[in-house]
Amino acid sequence: MTWQHAGELAVVLAVGGGLMSRSRSAKVRAVGAFAREAAMIGVLYGLWQLAGRLNGLSTDGALGRAQWIQQVQSDIHLPSEPS
């Protein structure tokens, strides 16, 4: 999901959750609260994606970066995660 899609989804969830919060039904208000929380997660995810794009990072090379980090840790004799 791109940062744009995450933002759009967050707006929809926030608006829907806000409208549901005006309901007389406790169940609908609870769903509205959940939708607003999900909107916040969507905003944070979108910001994370945008920050990665601005820094020139992508999820495509994540495994390669992880292997590089592990190699550097080994080269400078840092303890491994299991130890």
C-alpha atoms as a PDB file:
ATOM      1  CA  MET A   1       0.000   0.000   0.000  1.00  0.00           C
ATOM      2  CA  THR A   2       1.408   3.377  -0.960  1.00  0.00           C
ATOM      3  CA  TRP A   3       1.486   6.358   1.375  1.00  0.00           C
ATOM      4  CA  GLN A   4      -1.217   7.981  -0.732  1.00  0.00           C
ATOM      5  CA  HIS A   5      -3.532   4.994  -0.352  1.00  0.00           C
ATOM      6  CA  ALA A   6      -2.841   4.860   3.375  1.00  0.00           C
ATOM      7  CA  GLY A   7      -3.763   8.538   3.654  1.00  0.00           C
ATOM      8  CA  GLU A   8      -6.968   8.075   1.700  1.00  0.00           C
ATOM      9  CA  LEU A   9      -7.962   5.088   3.812  1.00  0.00           C
ATOM     10  CA  ALA A  10      -7.158   7.008   6.998  1.00  0.00           C
ATOM     11  CA  VAL A  11      -9.421   9.881   5.920  1.00  0.00           C
ATOM     12  CA  VAL A  12     -12.293   7.513   5.158  1.00  0.00           C
ATOM     13  CA  LEU A  13     -11.874   5.723   8.489  1.00  0.00           C
ATOM     14  CA  ALA A  14     -11.601   8.962  10.442  1.00  0.00           C
ATOM     15  CA  VAL A  15     -14.700  10.481   8.841  1.00  0.00           C
ATOM     16  CA  GLY A  16     -16.675   7.265   9.223  1.00  0.00           C
ATOM     17  CA  GLY A  17     -15.530   6.856  12.813  1.00  0.00           C
ATOM     18  CA  GLY A  18     -16.433  10.450  13.570  1.00  0.00           C
ATOM     19  CA  LEU A  19     -19.908   9.992  12.165  1.00  0.00           C
ATOM     20  CA  MET A  20     -20.370   6.746  14.088  1.00  0.00           C
ATOM     21  CA  SER A  21     -19.388   8.450  17.332  1.00  0.00           C
ATOM     22  CA  ARG A  22     -22.640  10.455  17.142  1.00  0.00           C
ATOM     23  CA  SER A  23     -24.796   7.326  17.191  1.00  0.00           C
ATOM     24  CA  ARG A  24     -27.045   6.460  20.112  1.00  0.00           C
ATOM     25  CA  SER A  25     -26.022   2.807  19.872  1.00  0.00           C
ATOM     26  CA  ALA A  26     -23.081   1.814  22.063  1.00  0.00           C
ATOM     27  CA  LYS A  27     -22.056  -0.842  19.545  1.00  0.00           C
ATOM     28  CA  VAL A  28     -21.909   1.651  16.684  1.00  0.00           C
ATOM     29  CA  ARG A  29     -19.917   4.083  18.852  1.00  0.00           C
ATOM     30  CA  ALA A  30     -17.487   1.258  19.661  1.00  0.00           C
ATOM     31  CA  VAL A  31     -17.030   0.519  15.950  1.00  0.00           C
ATOM     32  CA  GLY A  32     -16.488   4.231  15.398  1.00  0.00           C
ATOM     33  CA  ALA A  33     -13.781   4.316  18.057  1.00  0.00           C
ATOM     34  CA  PHE A  34     -12.107   1.336  16.383  1.00  0.00           C
ATOM     35  CA  ALA A  35     -12.287   3.080  13.000  1.00  0.00           C
ATOM     36  CA  ARG A  36     -10.639   6.215  14.426  1.00  0.00           C
ATOM     37  CA  GLU A  37      -7.844   4.115  15.952  1.00  0.00           C
ATOM     38  CA  ALA A  38      -7.377   2.328  12.614  1.00  0.00           C
ATOM     39  CA  ALA A  39      -7.208   5.749  10.936  1.00  0.00           C
ATOM     40  CA  MET A  40      -4.339   6.725  13.234  1.00  0.00           C
ATOM     41  CA  ILE A  41      -2.487   3.539  12.316  1.00  0.00           C
ATOM     42  CA  GLY A  42      -3.106   4.325   8.646  1.00  0.00           C
ATOM     43  CA  VAL A  43      -1.658   7.817   9.072  1.00  0.00           C
ATOM     44  CA  LEU A  44       1.426   6.477  10.834  1.00  0.00           C
ATOM     45  CA  TYR A  45       1.922   3.806   8.175  1.00  0.00           C
ATOM     46  CA  GLY A  46       1.577   6.411   5.442  1.00  0.00           C
ATOM     47  CA  LEU A  47       4.151   8.653   7.122  1.00  0.00           C
ATOM     48  CA  TRP A  48       6.521   5.682   7.458  1.00  0.00           C
ATOM     49  CA  GLN A  49       6.130   4.901   3.759  1.00  0.00           C
ATOM     50  CA  LEU A  50       6.619   8.556   2.794  1.00  0.00           C
ATOM     51  CA  ALA A  51       9.744   8.863   4.948  1.00  0.00           C
ATOM     52  CA  GLY A  52      11.174   5.764   3.291  1.00  0.00           C
ATOM     53  CA  ARG A  53      10.499   7.215  -0.148  1.00  0.00           C
ATOM     54  CA  LEU A  54      12.073  10.573   0.733  1.00  0.00           C
ATOM     55  CA  ASN A  55      15.176   8.799   2.038  1.00  0.00           C
ATOM     56  CA  GLY A  56      15.436   6.666  -1.104  1.00  0.00           C
ATOM     57  CA  LEU A  57      14.603   3.432   0.711  1.00  0.00           C
ATOM     58  CA  SER A  58      12.243   0.747  -0.469  1.00  0.00           C
ATOM     59  CA  THR A  59      11.046  -2.551   0.912  1.00  0.00           C
ATOM     60  CA  ASP A  60      12.472  -4.346  -2.136  1.00  0.00           C
ATOM     61  CA  GLY A  61      16.022  -4.483  -0.751  1.00  0.00           C
ATOM     62  CA  ALA A  62      15.115  -5.216   2.859  1.00  0.00           C
ATOM     63  CA  LEU A  63      16.586  -8.725   2.863  1.00  0.00           C
ATOM     64  CA  GLY A  64      19.835  -7.512   1.327  1.00  0.00           C
ATOM     65  CA  ARG A  65      20.126  -4.728   3.923  1.00  0.00           C
ATOM     66  CA  ALA A  66      19.424  -7.215   6.707  1.00  0.00           C
ATOM     67  CA  GLN A  67      22.193  -9.501   5.472  1.00  0.00           C
ATOM     68  CA  TRP A  68      24.561  -6.512   5.222  1.00  0.00           C
ATOM     69  CA  ILE A  69      23.758  -5.483   8.816  1.00  0.00           C
ATOM     70  CA  GLN A  70      24.319  -9.027  10.034  1.00  0.00           C
ATOM     71  CA  GLN A  71      27.671  -9.179   8.232  1.00  0.00           C
ATOM     72  CA  VAL A  72      28.805  -5.836   9.700  1.00  0.00           C
ATOM     73  CA  GLN A  73      27.782  -6.960  13.183  1.00  0.00           C
ATOM     74  CA  SER A  74      29.800 -10.122  12.710  1.00  0.00           C
ATOM     75  CA  ASP A  75      32.809  -8.235  11.324  1.00  0.00           C
ATOM     76  CA  ILE A  76      33.025  -5.882  14.299  1.00  0.00           C
ATOM     77  CA  HIS A  77      32.279  -8.712  16.751  1.00  0.00           C
ATOM     78  CA  LEU A  78      28.992  -7.445  18.111  1.00  0.00           C
ATOM     79  CA  PRO A  79      26.894 -10.076  19.924  1.00  0.00           C
ATOM     80  CA  SER A  80      24.204 -11.735  17.856  1.00  0.00           C
ATOM     81  CA  GLU A  81      20.529 -11.505  18.796  1.00  0.00           C
ATOM     82  CA  PRO A  82      20.315 -15.087  20.132  1.00  0.00           C
ATOM     83  CA  SER A  83      23.354 -14.598  22.371  1.00  0.00           C
END
